[in-house]
Amino acid sequence: PVGCCERCGKNRNGFMRLELAHIDSRKFIEHKTTDKDVLRLCGPSTESGTCHHWVESTREGREWMRVMQVRLMEGINAC
């Protein structure tokens, strides 16, 4: 489903929101952003405990994003 976090699988409800997290920083993308450039993650990115915060704040999160980028290129989505 489009309405779930691609890391934790929680779906959009009540207080949780989903955000598009760029795998590569927007300043490094020279083309128009596509669905292969972003992941849907629970947020906000500024709130600890959310998946968007985790991918932007930890080495493990950034490594996970790279794995997910390969999966996106292969046409495999987490949700």
N, C-alpha and C. Protein backbone atom coordinates (compact mmCIF):
# COMPACT_ATOMS: atom_id res chain seq x y z
N PRO A 1 0.82 -1.20 0.00
CA PRO A 1 0.00 0.00 0.00
C PRO A 1 0.86 1.26 0.00
N VAL A 2 0.39 2.26 -0.67
CA VAL A 2 1.12 3.53 -0.75
C VAL A 2 1.19 4.21 0.60
N GLY A 3 0.25 3.92 1.48
CA GLY A 3 0.18 4.62 2.76
C GLY A 3 0.94 3.98 3.90
N CYS A 4 2.10 3.35 3.63
CA CYS A 4 2.85 2.79 4.74
C CYS A 4 4.31 3.21 4.68
N CYS A 5 4.93 3.20 5.85
CA CYS A 5 6.35 3.49 5.96
C CYS A 5 7.12 2.30 5.38
N GLU A 6 8.09 2.57 4.52
CA GLU A 6 8.83 1.50 3.86
C GLU A 6 9.88 0.88 4.76
N ARG A 7 10.06 1.40 5.96
CA ARG A 7 10.99 0.78 6.90
C ARG A 7 10.23 -0.02 7.96
N CYS A 8 9.34 0.64 8.69
CA CYS A 8 8.67 -0.04 9.80
C CYS A 8 7.33 -0.64 9.41
N GLY A 9 6.77 -0.22 8.26
CA GLY A 9 5.52 -0.78 7.79
C GLY A 9 4.27 -0.19 8.42
N LYS A 10 4.46 0.75 9.35
CA LYS A 10 3.28 1.37 9.95
C LYS A 10 2.53 2.14 8.88
N ASN A 11 1.21 2.10 8.98
CA ASN A 11 0.44 2.83 7.98
C ASN A 11 0.03 4.19 8.51
N ARG A 12 -0.30 5.03 7.57
CA ARG A 12 -0.67 6.40 7.89
C ARG A 12 -1.95 6.38 8.71
N ASN A 13 -1.89 7.01 9.86
CA ASN A 13 -3.09 7.10 10.71
C ASN A 13 -2.93 8.25 11.69
N GLY A 14 -4.01 8.72 12.22
CA GLY A 14 -4.03 9.74 13.26
C GLY A 14 -2.87 10.70 13.30
N PHE A 15 -1.89 10.43 14.15
CA PHE A 15 -0.81 11.38 14.39
C PHE A 15 0.43 11.15 13.54
N MET A 16 0.59 9.95 12.97
CA MET A 16 1.78 9.66 12.19
C MET A 16 1.64 10.18 10.77
N ARG A 17 2.71 10.72 10.24
CA ARG A 17 2.66 11.16 8.85
C ARG A 17 3.80 10.51 8.07
N LEU A 18 3.59 10.40 6.79
CA LEU A 18 4.62 9.87 5.91
C LEU A 18 5.27 11.01 5.16
N GLU A 19 6.58 10.89 4.98
CA GLU A 19 7.33 11.90 4.23
C GLU A 19 8.15 11.19 3.16
N LEU A 20 8.47 11.92 2.12
CA LEU A 20 9.37 11.39 1.10
C LEU A 20 10.79 11.74 1.50
N ALA A 21 11.60 10.72 1.69
CA ALA A 21 13.00 10.91 2.08
C ALA A 21 13.87 10.65 0.86
N HIS A 22 14.66 11.63 0.47
CA HIS A 22 15.56 11.47 -0.68
C HIS A 22 16.71 10.54 -0.31
N ILE A 23 16.97 9.56 -1.14
CA ILE A 23 18.08 8.64 -0.91
C ILE A 23 19.39 9.40 -1.09
N ASP A 24 19.50 10.14 -2.15
CA ASP A 24 20.63 11.05 -2.36
C ASP A 24 20.11 12.46 -2.13
N SER A 25 20.91 13.27 -1.52
CA SER A 25 20.50 14.65 -1.26
C SER A 25 20.03 15.32 -2.55
N ARG A 26 18.99 16.12 -2.43
CA ARG A 26 18.44 16.80 -3.61
C ARG A 26 19.50 17.60 -4.35
N LYS A 27 20.48 18.13 -3.62
CA LYS A 27 21.49 18.95 -4.29
C LYS A 27 22.41 18.12 -5.20
N PHE A 28 22.38 16.77 -5.04
CA PHE A 28 23.19 15.91 -5.88
C PHE A 28 22.40 15.27 -7.01
N ILE A 29 21.10 15.48 -7.05
CA ILE A 29 20.26 14.90 -8.11
C ILE A 29 20.13 15.93 -9.23
N GLU A 30 20.62 15.59 -10.40
CA GLU A 30 20.59 16.53 -11.52
C GLU A 30 19.36 16.36 -12.40
N HIS A 31 18.52 15.41 -12.07
CA HIS A 31 17.30 15.17 -12.85
C HIS A 31 16.09 15.43 -11.96
N LYS A 32 14.94 15.42 -12.58
CA LYS A 32 13.71 15.57 -11.82
C LYS A 32 13.56 14.33 -10.92
N THR A 33 13.23 14.54 -9.67
CA THR A 33 13.08 13.45 -8.71
C THR A 33 12.02 12.46 -9.18
N THR A 34 12.36 11.18 -9.10
CA THR A 34 11.42 10.12 -9.48
C THR A 34 11.17 9.22 -8.26
N ASP A 35 10.30 8.25 -8.42
CA ASP A 35 10.01 7.33 -7.32
C ASP A 35 11.20 6.43 -6.99
N LYS A 36 12.21 6.41 -7.84
CA LYS A 36 13.43 5.65 -7.56
C LYS A 36 14.44 6.44 -6.72
N ASP A 37 14.12 7.72 -6.47
CA ASP A 37 15.01 8.60 -5.70
C ASP A 37 14.57 8.80 -4.27
N VAL A 38 13.39 8.34 -3.92
CA VAL A 38 12.83 8.62 -2.59
C VAL A 38 12.20 7.37 -1.98
N LEU A 39 12.10 7.39 -0.66
CA LEU A 39 11.39 6.37 0.09
C LEU A 39 10.32 7.05 0.93
N ARG A 40 9.20 6.36 1.13
CA ARG A 40 8.16 6.86 2.03
C ARG A 40 8.48 6.38 3.43
N LEU A 41 8.74 7.34 4.32
CA LEU A 41 9.11 7.00 5.69
C LEU A 41 8.28 7.80 6.68
N CYS A 42 8.04 7.22 7.85
CA CYS A 42 7.32 7.97 8.87
C CYS A 42 8.22 9.09 9.37
N GLY A 43 7.60 10.18 9.70
CA GLY A 43 8.33 11.36 10.11
C GLY A 43 7.58 12.11 11.17
N PRO A 44 8.08 13.29 11.47
CA PRO A 44 9.00 14.11 10.68
C PRO A 44 10.47 13.75 10.90
N SER A 45 11.29 14.20 9.98
CA SER A 45 12.72 13.90 10.05
C SER A 45 13.38 14.54 11.27
N THR A 46 12.76 15.55 11.83
CA THR A 46 13.33 16.24 12.99
C THR A 46 12.97 15.59 14.31
N GLU A 47 12.12 14.54 14.27
CA GLU A 47 11.67 13.90 15.51
C GLU A 47 12.36 12.56 15.70
N SER A 48 13.13 12.44 16.78
CA SER A 48 13.79 11.16 17.04
C SER A 48 12.74 10.09 17.23
N GLY A 49 13.06 8.89 16.83
CA GLY A 49 12.11 7.79 16.92
C GLY A 49 11.36 7.53 15.63
N THR A 50 11.49 8.42 14.66
CA THR A 50 10.84 8.18 13.37
C THR A 50 11.86 7.58 12.41
N CYS A 51 11.37 6.89 11.42
CA CYS A 51 12.27 6.26 10.44
C CYS A 51 13.01 7.31 9.60
N HIS A 52 12.34 8.41 9.27
CA HIS A 52 13.00 9.46 8.49
C HIS A 52 14.17 10.04 9.29
N HIS A 53 14.00 10.24 10.57
CA HIS A 53 15.09 10.74 11.42
C HIS A 53 16.22 9.72 11.47
N TRP A 54 15.87 8.45 11.62
CA TRP A 54 16.86 7.38 11.71
C TRP A 54 17.75 7.33 10.48
N VAL A 55 17.16 7.41 9.27
CA VAL A 55 17.97 7.31 8.05
C VAL A 55 18.86 8.53 7.86
N GLU A 56 18.45 9.67 8.36
CA GLU A 56 19.26 10.88 8.20
C GLU A 56 20.27 11.07 9.32
N SER A 57 20.12 10.34 10.42
CA SER A 57 20.95 10.59 11.60
C SER A 57 21.92 9.47 11.96
N THR A 58 21.81 8.33 11.31
CA THR A 58 22.68 7.21 11.68
C THR A 58 23.36 6.60 10.46
N ARG A 59 24.51 6.03 10.69
CA ARG A 59 25.22 5.34 9.63
C ARG A 59 24.42 4.13 9.16
N GLU A 60 23.82 3.41 10.12
CA GLU A 60 23.00 2.25 9.77
C GLU A 60 21.84 2.66 8.88
N GLY A 61 21.24 3.81 9.19
CA GLY A 61 20.13 4.31 8.38
C GLY A 61 20.55 4.63 6.97
N ARG A 62 21.70 5.26 6.81
CA ARG A 62 22.19 5.60 5.48
C ARG A 62 22.54 4.33 4.69
N GLU A 63 23.11 3.33 5.37
CA GLU A 63 23.42 2.07 4.71
C GLU A 63 22.13 1.36 4.28
N TRP A 64 21.11 1.42 5.13
CA TRP A 64 19.82 0.82 4.80
C TRP A 64 19.24 1.49 3.56
N MET A 65 19.37 2.81 3.47
CA MET A 65 18.87 3.54 2.30
C MET A 65 19.54 3.04 1.02
N ARG A 66 20.84 2.76 1.07
CA ARG A 66 21.57 2.27 -0.11
C ARG A 66 21.03 0.90 -0.54
N VAL A 67 20.77 0.04 0.42
CA VAL A 67 20.20 -1.27 0.11
C VAL A 67 18.82 -1.09 -0.52
N MET A 68 18.03 -0.21 0.04
CA MET A 68 16.70 0.04 -0.49
C MET A 68 16.75 0.64 -1.88
N GLN A 69 17.76 1.46 -2.16
CA GLN A 69 17.90 2.05 -3.48
C GLN A 69 18.10 0.96 -4.53
N VAL A 70 18.91 -0.03 -4.22
CA VAL A 70 19.12 -1.17 -5.13
C VAL A 70 17.79 -1.89 -5.33
N ARG A 71 17.05 -2.11 -4.26
CA ARG A 71 15.75 -2.79 -4.37
C ARG A 71 14.78 -1.99 -5.25
N LEU A 72 14.80 -0.67 -5.10
CA LEU A 72 13.92 0.16 -5.94
C LEU A 72 14.30 0.02 -7.41
N MET A 73 15.59 0.00 -7.69
CA MET A 73 16.04 -0.14 -9.07
C MET A 73 15.64 -1.49 -9.66
N GLU A 74 15.51 -2.49 -8.78
CA GLU A 74 15.09 -3.83 -9.21
C GLU A 74 13.57 -3.96 -9.23
N GLY A 75 12.87 -2.89 -8.84
CA GLY A 75 11.42 -2.92 -8.85
C GLY A 75 10.78 -3.55 -7.64
N ILE A 76 11.55 -3.67 -6.55
CA ILE A 76 11.04 -4.28 -5.32
C ILE A 76 10.76 -3.18 -4.31
N ASN A 77 9.52 -3.08 -3.86
CA ASN A 77 9.15 -2.11 -2.83
C ASN A 77 8.92 -2.84 -1.52
N ALA A 78 9.17 -2.16 -0.41
CA ALA A 78 8.97 -2.75 0.91
C ALA A 78 7.50 -2.88 1.25
N CYS A 79 6.67 -1.99 0.76
CA CYS A 79 5.24 -2.01 1.09
C CYS A 79 4.44 -2.48 -0.10
